[in-house]
N, C-alpha and C. Protein backbone atom coordinates (compact mmCIF):
# COMPACT_ATOMS: atom_id res chain seq x y z
N UNK A 1 0.83 -1.21 0.00
CA UNK A 1 0.00 0.00 0.00
C UNK A 1 0.86 1.26 0.00
N UNK A 2 2.07 1.15 0.54
CA UNK A 2 2.94 2.31 0.62
C UNK A 2 3.35 2.85 -0.74
N UNK A 3 3.62 1.90 -1.67
CA UNK A 3 4.06 2.32 -3.00
C UNK A 3 2.93 3.02 -3.76
N UNK A 4 1.70 2.54 -3.58
CA UNK A 4 0.56 3.16 -4.27
C UNK A 4 0.41 4.60 -3.81
N UNK A 5 0.52 4.82 -2.51
CA UNK A 5 0.42 6.18 -1.96
C UNK A 5 1.56 7.05 -2.49
N UNK A 6 2.75 6.47 -2.56
CA UNK A 6 3.92 7.20 -3.05
C UNK A 6 3.73 7.62 -4.50
N UNK A 7 3.21 6.70 -5.32
CA UNK A 7 2.96 7.02 -6.73
C UNK A 7 1.88 8.09 -6.87
N UNK A 8 0.85 8.02 -6.02
CA UNK A 8 -0.21 9.03 -6.06
C UNK A 8 0.36 10.40 -5.70
N UNK A 9 1.23 10.43 -4.69
CA UNK A 9 1.85 11.68 -4.28
C UNK A 9 2.73 12.23 -5.40
N UNK A 10 3.53 11.34 -6.00
CA UNK A 10 4.41 11.74 -7.10
C UNK A 10 3.59 12.25 -8.29
N UNK A 11 2.50 11.54 -8.61
CA UNK A 11 1.63 11.97 -9.70
C UNK A 11 0.99 13.31 -9.41
N UNK A 12 0.59 13.53 -8.16
CA UNK A 12 0.00 14.81 -7.77
C UNK A 12 0.98 15.95 -7.92
N UNK A 13 2.23 15.72 -7.51
CA UNK A 13 3.26 16.75 -7.62
C UNK A 13 3.53 17.07 -9.09
N UNK A 14 3.66 16.00 -9.91
CA UNK A 14 3.90 16.21 -11.34
C UNK A 14 2.72 16.93 -11.99
N UNK A 15 1.51 16.54 -11.60
CA UNK A 15 0.31 17.20 -12.12
C UNK A 15 0.25 18.66 -11.72
N UNK A 16 0.63 18.95 -10.48
CA UNK A 16 0.64 20.33 -10.01
C UNK A 16 1.65 21.17 -10.78
N UNK A 17 2.82 20.59 -11.05
CA UNK A 17 3.84 21.31 -11.82
C UNK A 17 3.32 21.59 -13.23
N UNK A 18 2.70 20.57 -13.86
CA UNK A 18 2.12 20.77 -15.19
C UNK A 18 1.02 21.83 -15.15
N UNK A 19 0.22 21.80 -14.09
CA UNK A 19 -0.85 22.79 -13.93
C UNK A 19 -0.31 24.20 -13.80
N UNK A 20 0.78 24.35 -13.04
CA UNK A 20 1.39 25.67 -12.87
C UNK A 20 1.94 26.17 -14.20
N UNK A 21 2.61 25.27 -14.94
CA UNK A 21 3.15 25.65 -16.25
C UNK A 21 2.02 26.04 -17.20
N UNK A 22 0.93 25.25 -17.21
CA UNK A 22 -0.21 25.57 -18.07
C UNK A 22 -0.86 26.88 -17.64
N UNK A 23 -0.91 27.13 -16.33
CA UNK A 23 -1.55 28.34 -15.82
C UNK A 23 -0.76 29.59 -16.19
N UNK A 24 0.54 29.45 -16.40
CA UNK A 24 1.35 30.60 -16.78
C UNK A 24 0.95 31.13 -18.16
N UNK A 25 0.46 30.23 -19.01
CA UNK A 25 0.09 30.63 -20.37
C UNK A 25 -1.34 31.14 -20.46
N UNK A 26 -2.08 31.06 -19.36
CA UNK A 26 -3.50 31.44 -19.38
C UNK A 26 -3.69 32.72 -18.57
N UNK A 27 -4.49 33.63 -19.10
CA UNK A 27 -4.78 34.85 -18.35
C UNK A 27 -6.09 34.68 -17.59
N UNK A 28 -6.18 35.30 -16.45
CA UNK A 28 -7.39 35.19 -15.62
C UNK A 28 -7.20 34.21 -14.49
N UNK A 29 -7.46 34.67 -13.27
CA UNK A 29 -7.20 33.85 -12.08
C UNK A 29 -8.09 32.62 -12.00
N UNK A 30 -9.35 32.74 -12.43
CA UNK A 30 -10.26 31.60 -12.35
C UNK A 30 -9.75 30.43 -13.16
N UNK A 31 -9.25 30.73 -14.37
CA UNK A 31 -8.75 29.67 -15.23
C UNK A 31 -7.48 29.05 -14.65
N UNK A 32 -6.65 29.87 -14.01
CA UNK A 32 -5.41 29.36 -13.43
C UNK A 32 -5.70 28.34 -12.34
N UNK A 33 -6.63 28.66 -11.45
CA UNK A 33 -7.00 27.74 -10.37
C UNK A 33 -7.59 26.46 -10.95
N UNK A 34 -8.43 26.62 -11.97
CA UNK A 34 -9.07 25.47 -12.59
C UNK A 34 -8.03 24.54 -13.23
N UNK A 35 -7.07 25.13 -13.96
CA UNK A 35 -6.02 24.33 -14.57
C UNK A 35 -5.22 23.59 -13.52
N UNK A 36 -4.84 24.30 -12.46
CA UNK A 36 -4.03 23.70 -11.40
C UNK A 36 -4.75 22.53 -10.75
N UNK A 37 -6.02 22.73 -10.40
CA UNK A 37 -6.80 21.67 -9.75
C UNK A 37 -6.97 20.47 -10.68
N UNK A 38 -7.30 20.75 -11.94
CA UNK A 38 -7.56 19.66 -12.89
C UNK A 38 -6.31 18.82 -13.11
N UNK A 39 -5.18 19.47 -13.35
CA UNK A 39 -3.95 18.73 -13.60
C UNK A 39 -3.51 17.96 -12.36
N UNK A 40 -3.70 18.54 -11.18
CA UNK A 40 -3.34 17.85 -9.94
C UNK A 40 -4.19 16.61 -9.75
N UNK A 41 -5.50 16.74 -9.99
CA UNK A 41 -6.39 15.58 -9.85
C UNK A 41 -6.04 14.49 -10.84
N UNK A 42 -5.78 14.87 -12.09
CA UNK A 42 -5.40 13.89 -13.11
C UNK A 42 -4.10 13.20 -12.70
N UNK A 43 -3.14 13.97 -12.19
CA UNK A 43 -1.87 13.39 -11.75
C UNK A 43 -2.05 12.39 -10.62
N UNK A 44 -2.92 12.71 -9.65
CA UNK A 44 -3.17 11.80 -8.53
C UNK A 44 -3.83 10.52 -9.03
N UNK A 45 -4.81 10.65 -9.92
CA UNK A 45 -5.51 9.47 -10.44
C UNK A 45 -4.55 8.58 -11.23
N UNK A 46 -3.74 9.19 -12.11
CA UNK A 46 -2.78 8.41 -12.90
C UNK A 46 -1.75 7.76 -11.98
N UNK A 47 -1.30 8.50 -10.96
CA UNK A 47 -0.36 7.93 -10.00
C UNK A 47 -0.93 6.76 -9.24
N UNK A 48 -2.19 6.87 -8.83
CA UNK A 48 -2.86 5.76 -8.13
C UNK A 48 -2.97 4.54 -9.03
N UNK A 49 -3.39 4.77 -10.28
CA UNK A 49 -3.54 3.65 -11.21
C UNK A 49 -2.19 3.00 -11.50
N UNK A 50 -1.16 3.82 -11.72
CA UNK A 50 0.18 3.29 -11.97
C UNK A 50 0.72 2.52 -10.78
N UNK A 51 0.55 3.07 -9.59
CA UNK A 51 1.01 2.40 -8.38
C UNK A 51 0.29 1.10 -8.13
N UNK A 52 -1.03 1.10 -8.36
CA UNK A 52 -1.82 -0.12 -8.18
C UNK A 52 -1.41 -1.17 -9.19
N UNK A 53 -1.12 -0.76 -10.42
CA UNK A 53 -0.72 -1.69 -11.47
C UNK A 53 0.62 -2.34 -11.11
N UNK A 54 1.56 -1.54 -10.62
CA UNK A 54 2.88 -2.06 -10.23
C UNK A 54 2.74 -3.03 -9.06
N UNK A 55 1.93 -2.67 -8.06
CA UNK A 55 1.69 -3.56 -6.92
C UNK A 55 1.05 -4.86 -7.39
N UNK A 56 0.14 -4.76 -8.35
CA UNK A 56 -0.58 -5.92 -8.86
C UNK A 56 0.38 -6.88 -9.56
N UNK A 57 1.27 -6.35 -10.40
CA UNK A 57 2.21 -7.22 -11.12
C UNK A 57 3.22 -7.84 -10.17
N UNK A 58 3.58 -7.14 -9.10
CA UNK A 58 4.52 -7.70 -8.13
C UNK A 58 3.88 -8.83 -7.34
N UNK A 59 2.61 -8.69 -7.00
CA UNK A 59 1.95 -9.71 -6.19
C UNK A 59 1.71 -10.99 -6.99
N UNK A 60 1.60 -10.88 -8.31
CA UNK A 60 1.41 -12.07 -9.16
C UNK A 60 2.67 -12.92 -9.12
N UNK A 61 3.82 -12.28 -9.18
CA UNK A 61 5.08 -13.02 -9.13
C UNK A 61 5.27 -13.58 -7.75
């Protein structure tokens, strides 16, 4: 379970960085917050899925 959480955290951080970069190109504060939240959520979900997939393949072996 630890690795899944770690991947979710890593995905969230990467998503937040992508969101900040995307927000720099967008004018208007509302859009910036929306981009940041969306990319962070996508990063967490992808991180969770990736971490769960890695845990799943390890447990099969």
